[in-house]
Amino acid sequence: MIQKRREKSIANGASFIQNFGSTLNLHPHFHLVVADGVFSGDGEQLQFHEAILTPDD
């Protein structure tokens, strides 16, 4: 079951670079949005599976 989920899952995120701070000073930095898990689907439904940390992580 877990192996099937892994094969059909997609991990994704989005990022962009911002070059300036609020006072228009040079301050390059990244903004990131990353899911805390994976999405999987069977063609009809999309499901989110939360990432679970194990003691080995």
C-alpha atoms as a PDB file:
ATOM      1  CA  MET A   1       0.000   0.000   0.000  1.00  0.00           C
ATOM      2  CA  ILE A   2       2.737   2.476   0.935  1.00  0.00           C
ATOM      3  CA  GLN A   3       4.730   1.539  -2.160  1.00  0.00           C
ATOM      4  CA  LYS A   4       1.696   2.231  -4.381  1.00  0.00           C
ATOM      5  CA  ARG A   5       1.259   5.648  -2.758  1.00  0.00           C
ATOM      6  CA  ARG A   6       4.922   6.439  -3.281  1.00  0.00           C
ATOM      7  CA  GLU A   7       4.763   5.526  -6.980  1.00  0.00           C
ATOM      8  CA  LYS A   8       1.726   7.740  -7.603  1.00  0.00           C
ATOM      9  CA  SER A   9       2.703  10.673  -5.382  1.00  0.00           C
ATOM     10  CA  ILE A  10       4.039  14.083  -6.411  1.00  0.00           C
ATOM     11  CA  ALA A  11       5.954  16.398  -4.089  1.00  0.00           C
ATOM     12  CA  ASN A  12       5.978  20.030  -5.165  1.00  0.00           C
ATOM     13  CA  GLY A  13       6.678  23.578  -4.055  1.00  0.00           C
ATOM     14  CA  ALA A  14       7.082  27.113  -5.347  1.00  0.00           C
ATOM     15  CA  SER A  15       9.764  29.725  -4.762  1.00  0.00           C
ATOM     16  CA  PHE A  16      10.724  33.179  -5.930  1.00  0.00           C
ATOM     17  CA  ILE A  17      13.605  35.570  -5.323  1.00  0.00           C
ATOM     18  CA  GLN A  18      12.938  38.993  -3.853  1.00  0.00           C
ATOM     19  CA  ASN A  19      15.829  41.410  -4.356  1.00  0.00           C
ATOM     20  CA  PHE A  20      14.770  44.321  -2.173  1.00  0.00           C
ATOM     21  CA  GLY A  21      13.656  44.942   1.403  1.00  0.00           C
ATOM     22  CA  SER A  22      10.755  47.137   2.513  1.00  0.00           C
ATOM     23  CA  THR A  23      12.887  50.324   2.280  1.00  0.00           C
ATOM     24  CA  LEU A  24      14.067  49.415  -1.250  1.00  0.00           C
ATOM     25  CA  ASN A  25      17.475  48.402   0.071  1.00  0.00           C
ATOM     26  CA  LEU A  26      19.328  45.567  -1.644  1.00  0.00           C
ATOM     27  CA  HIS A  27      18.344  42.454   0.297  1.00  0.00           C
ATOM     28  CA  PRO A  28      18.200  39.343  -1.930  1.00  0.00           C
ATOM     29  CA  HIS A  29      16.286  36.473  -0.321  1.00  0.00           C
ATOM     30  CA  PHE A  30      13.967  33.600  -1.192  1.00  0.00           C
ATOM     31  CA  HIS A  31      10.291  33.047  -0.433  1.00  0.00           C
ATOM     32  CA  LEU A  32       9.218  29.391  -0.405  1.00  0.00           C
ATOM     33  CA  VAL A  33       5.948  27.501  -0.206  1.00  0.00           C
ATOM     34  CA  VAL A  34       6.450  23.761   0.242  1.00  0.00           C
ATOM     35  CA  ALA A  35       3.834  21.165   1.134  1.00  0.00           C
ATOM     36  CA  ASP A  36       4.407  19.114   4.289  1.00  0.00           C
ATOM     37  CA  GLY A  37       3.556  15.915   2.480  1.00  0.00           C
ATOM     38  CA  VAL A  38       2.620  14.638  -0.947  1.00  0.00           C
ATOM     39  CA  PHE A  39      -0.424  14.687  -3.188  1.00  0.00           C
ATOM     40  CA  SER A  40      -1.637  11.559  -4.951  1.00  0.00           C
ATOM     41  CA  GLY A  41      -4.542  10.869  -7.223  1.00  0.00           C
ATOM     42  CA  ASP A  42      -6.261   8.074  -9.073  1.00  0.00           C
ATOM     43  CA  GLY A  43      -7.569  10.171 -11.957  1.00  0.00           C
ATOM     44  CA  GLU A  44     -10.752  11.248 -10.179  1.00  0.00           C
ATOM     45  CA  GLN A  45      -9.731  12.281  -6.664  1.00  0.00           C
ATOM     46  CA  LEU A  46      -6.696  14.093  -5.309  1.00  0.00           C
ATOM     47  CA  GLN A  47      -5.558  13.232  -1.782  1.00  0.00           C
ATOM     48  CA  PHE A  48      -2.970  14.816   0.517  1.00  0.00           C
ATOM     49  CA  HIS A  49      -0.756  12.529   2.616  1.00  0.00           C
ATOM     50  CA  GLU A  50       0.951  14.346   5.482  1.00  0.00           C
ATOM     51  CA  ALA A  51       4.671  13.701   5.925  1.00  0.00           C
ATOM     52  CA  ILE A  52       5.364  11.954   9.211  1.00  0.00           C
ATOM     53  CA  LEU A  53       8.813  12.190  10.787  1.00  0.00           C
ATOM     54  CA  THR A  54      10.206   9.008  12.260  1.00  0.00           C
ATOM     55  CA  PRO A  55      12.850   8.777  15.006  1.00  0.00           C
ATOM     56  CA  ASP A  56      15.389   7.996  12.245  1.00  0.00           C
ATOM     57  CA  ASP A  57      14.885  11.425  10.618  1.00  0.00           C
END
